[in-house]
């Protein structure tokens, strides 16, 4: 799931208790799943979390667990079919001062 914070950053949270590593890859980092991917930190109870500062706009992303399994965030702002198969998560970051609906 994603949450927009009052400071303009985005919090990503993902539940995958059996994963040893989780990263976020999307159009905001060129779909990199290596060095350019956003690494998530493991929390208690099987949750993973990361924060990112993104400019206003609409982004597509997916979670990558253990370097080989892709997951869609169905609790984000939406989903759409990926041109490579499966579903991409959609994240909408509003312009500063805009209210969420």
C-alpha atoms as a PDB file:
ATOM      1  CA  UNK A   1       0.000   0.000   0.000  1.00  0.00           C
ATOM      2  CA  UNK A   2       1.078   3.564  -0.497  1.00  0.00           C
ATOM      3  CA  UNK A   3       0.484   6.616   1.670  1.00  0.00           C
ATOM      4  CA  UNK A   4       1.131  10.242   0.842  1.00  0.00           C
ATOM      5  CA  UNK A   5       2.696  12.061   3.791  1.00  0.00           C
ATOM      6  CA  UNK A   6       2.209  15.688   4.730  1.00  0.00           C
ATOM      7  CA  UNK A   7       5.862  16.444   3.887  1.00  0.00           C
ATOM      8  CA  UNK A   8       5.268  15.361   0.270  1.00  0.00           C
ATOM      9  CA  UNK A   9       7.006  12.000   0.525  1.00  0.00           C
ATOM     10  CA  UNK A  10       5.428   8.638  -0.285  1.00  0.00           C
ATOM     11  CA  UNK A  11       5.472   5.694   2.085  1.00  0.00           C
ATOM     12  CA  UNK A  12       5.393   2.230   0.519  1.00  0.00           C
ATOM     13  CA  UNK A  13       4.365  -0.754   2.676  1.00  0.00           C
ATOM     14  CA  UNK A  14       4.334  -4.346   1.480  1.00  0.00           C
ATOM     15  CA  UNK A  15       3.514  -7.598   3.278  1.00  0.00           C
ATOM     16  CA  UNK A  16       5.742 -10.515   2.366  1.00  0.00           C
ATOM     17  CA  UNK A  17       6.908 -12.359   5.518  1.00  0.00           C
ATOM     18  CA  UNK A  18       8.930 -15.040   3.731  1.00  0.00           C
ATOM     19  CA  UNK A  19      10.975 -12.594   1.596  1.00  0.00           C
ATOM     20  CA  UNK A  20      14.644 -12.011   2.322  1.00  0.00           C
ATOM     21  CA  UNK A  21      14.831  -8.789   0.274  1.00  0.00           C
ATOM     22  CA  UNK A  22      12.240  -6.470  -1.305  1.00  0.00           C
ATOM     23  CA  UNK A  23      12.824  -3.591  -3.718  1.00  0.00           C
ATOM     24  CA  UNK A  24      10.554  -1.158  -5.555  1.00  0.00           C
ATOM     25  CA  UNK A  25      10.981  -0.715  -9.273  1.00  0.00           C
ATOM     26  CA  UNK A  26       9.019   1.650 -11.473  1.00  0.00           C
ATOM     27  CA  UNK A  27       9.059   4.332 -14.088  1.00  0.00           C
ATOM     28  CA  UNK A  28      10.435   6.775 -11.479  1.00  0.00           C
ATOM     29  CA  UNK A  29      13.723   4.814 -11.453  1.00  0.00           C
ATOM     30  CA  UNK A  30      13.774   3.511 -15.026  1.00  0.00           C
ATOM     31  CA  UNK A  31      12.341   0.148 -13.907  1.00  0.00           C
ATOM     32  CA  UNK A  32      15.732  -0.691 -12.448  1.00  0.00           C
ATOM     33  CA  UNK A  33      15.669  -3.776 -10.289  1.00  0.00           C
ATOM     34  CA  UNK A  34      19.326  -3.651  -9.289  1.00  0.00           C
ATOM     35  CA  UNK A  35      21.288  -0.648  -8.018  1.00  0.00           C
ATOM     36  CA  UNK A  36      18.665   1.953  -8.985  1.00  0.00           C
ATOM     37  CA  UNK A  37      15.758   0.200  -7.268  1.00  0.00           C
ATOM     38  CA  UNK A  38      14.407   1.479  -3.963  1.00  0.00           C
ATOM     39  CA  UNK A  39      15.354  -0.969  -1.217  1.00  0.00           C
ATOM     40  CA  UNK A  40      12.756  -1.643   1.447  1.00  0.00           C
ATOM     41  CA  UNK A  41      13.544  -2.297   5.110  1.00  0.00           C
ATOM     42  CA  UNK A  42      12.056  -5.258   6.949  1.00  0.00           C
ATOM     43  CA  UNK A  43       9.678  -4.468   9.806  1.00  0.00           C
ATOM     44  CA  UNK A  44       8.140  -6.716  12.446  1.00  0.00           C
ATOM     45  CA  UNK A  45       5.283  -8.994  11.471  1.00  0.00           C
ATOM     46  CA  UNK A  46       6.335  -9.620   7.861  1.00  0.00           C
ATOM     47  CA  UNK A  47       5.949  -6.027   6.652  1.00  0.00           C
ATOM     48  CA  UNK A  48       8.422  -4.110   4.523  1.00  0.00           C
ATOM     49  CA  UNK A  49       8.602  -0.299   4.229  1.00  0.00           C
ATOM     50  CA  UNK A  50      10.347   2.432   2.246  1.00  0.00           C
ATOM     51  CA  UNK A  51       9.965   6.153   1.719  1.00  0.00           C
ATOM     52  CA  UNK A  52      10.604   8.146  -1.433  1.00  0.00           C
ATOM     53  CA  UNK A  53      10.367  11.799  -2.388  1.00  0.00           C
ATOM     54  CA  UNK A  54       8.703  12.026  -5.813  1.00  0.00           C
ATOM     55  CA  UNK A  55       7.638  15.012  -7.874  1.00  0.00           C
ATOM     56  CA  UNK A  56       3.950  15.488  -8.576  1.00  0.00           C
ATOM     57  CA  UNK A  57       2.738  13.129 -11.275  1.00  0.00           C
ATOM     58  CA  UNK A  58       1.455   9.671 -12.067  1.00  0.00           C
ATOM     59  CA  UNK A  59       3.810   6.703 -11.687  1.00  0.00           C
ATOM     60  CA  UNK A  60       3.768   2.962 -12.364  1.00  0.00           C
ATOM     61  CA  UNK A  61       5.618   0.531 -10.089  1.00  0.00           C
ATOM     62  CA  UNK A  62       5.860  -3.017  -8.743  1.00  0.00           C
ATOM     63  CA  UNK A  63       7.551  -4.730  -5.815  1.00  0.00           C
ATOM     64  CA  UNK A  64      10.356  -7.206  -6.476  1.00  0.00           C
ATOM     65  CA  UNK A  65      10.925  -9.892  -3.839  1.00  0.00           C
ATOM     66  CA  UNK A  66      14.214 -11.774  -3.655  1.00  0.00           C
ATOM     67  CA  UNK A  67      15.290 -10.511  -7.069  1.00  0.00           C
ATOM     68  CA  UNK A  68      12.912 -12.610  -9.149  1.00  0.00           C
ATOM     69  CA  UNK A  69       9.231 -12.404  -8.137  1.00  0.00           C
ATOM     70  CA  UNK A  70       7.166  -9.328  -9.079  1.00  0.00           C
ATOM     71  CA  UNK A  71       4.136  -8.207  -7.055  1.00  0.00           C
ATOM     72  CA  UNK A  72       1.423  -5.657  -7.773  1.00  0.00           C
ATOM     73  CA  UNK A  73       0.181  -3.271  -5.069  1.00  0.00           C
ATOM     74  CA  UNK A  74      -3.585  -3.535  -5.431  1.00  0.00           C
ATOM     75  CA  UNK A  75      -4.004  -1.095  -2.498  1.00  0.00           C
ATOM     76  CA  UNK A  76      -2.292   1.779  -4.295  1.00  0.00           C
ATOM     77  CA  UNK A  77      -4.164   4.375  -6.381  1.00  0.00           C
ATOM     78  CA  UNK A  78      -4.972   1.926  -9.141  1.00  0.00           C
ATOM     79  CA  UNK A  79      -3.622  -0.776 -11.425  1.00  0.00           C
ATOM     80  CA  UNK A  80      -3.189  -1.210 -15.154  1.00  0.00           C
ATOM     81  CA  UNK A  81      -2.101  -3.965 -17.488  1.00  0.00           C
ATOM     82  CA  UNK A  82       1.648  -4.053 -18.073  1.00  0.00           C
ATOM     83  CA  UNK A  83       2.869  -4.330 -21.656  1.00  0.00           C
ATOM     84  CA  UNK A  84       5.133  -7.146 -20.384  1.00  0.00           C
ATOM     85  CA  UNK A  85       2.284  -9.084 -18.781  1.00  0.00           C
ATOM     86  CA  UNK A  86       0.745  -8.867 -15.341  1.00  0.00           C
ATOM     87  CA  UNK A  87      -0.363  -5.676 -13.633  1.00  0.00           C
ATOM     88  CA  UNK A  88       1.452  -2.478 -12.723  1.00  0.00           C
ATOM     89  CA  UNK A  89       0.480  -0.461  -9.656  1.00  0.00           C
ATOM     90  CA  UNK A  90      -0.404   3.179 -10.230  1.00  0.00           C
ATOM     91  CA  UNK A  91       0.665   5.909  -7.808  1.00  0.00           C
ATOM     92  CA  UNK A  92      -0.605   9.485  -8.071  1.00  0.00           C
ATOM     93  CA  UNK A  93       1.408  12.203  -6.341  1.00  0.00           C
ATOM     94  CA  UNK A  94      -0.632  15.424  -6.345  1.00  0.00           C
ATOM     95  CA  UNK A  95       0.785  18.876  -6.824  1.00  0.00           C
ATOM     96  CA  UNK A  96       1.694  20.531  -3.550  1.00  0.00           C
ATOM     97  CA  UNK A  97      -1.369  21.967  -1.858  1.00  0.00           C
ATOM     98  CA  UNK A  98      -3.825  19.839  -3.849  1.00  0.00           C
ATOM     99  CA  UNK A  99      -6.332  17.905  -1.784  1.00  0.00           C
ATOM    100  CA  UNK A 100      -6.766  14.148  -2.162  1.00  0.00           C
ATOM    101  CA  UNK A 101     -10.181  12.896  -3.145  1.00  0.00           C
END
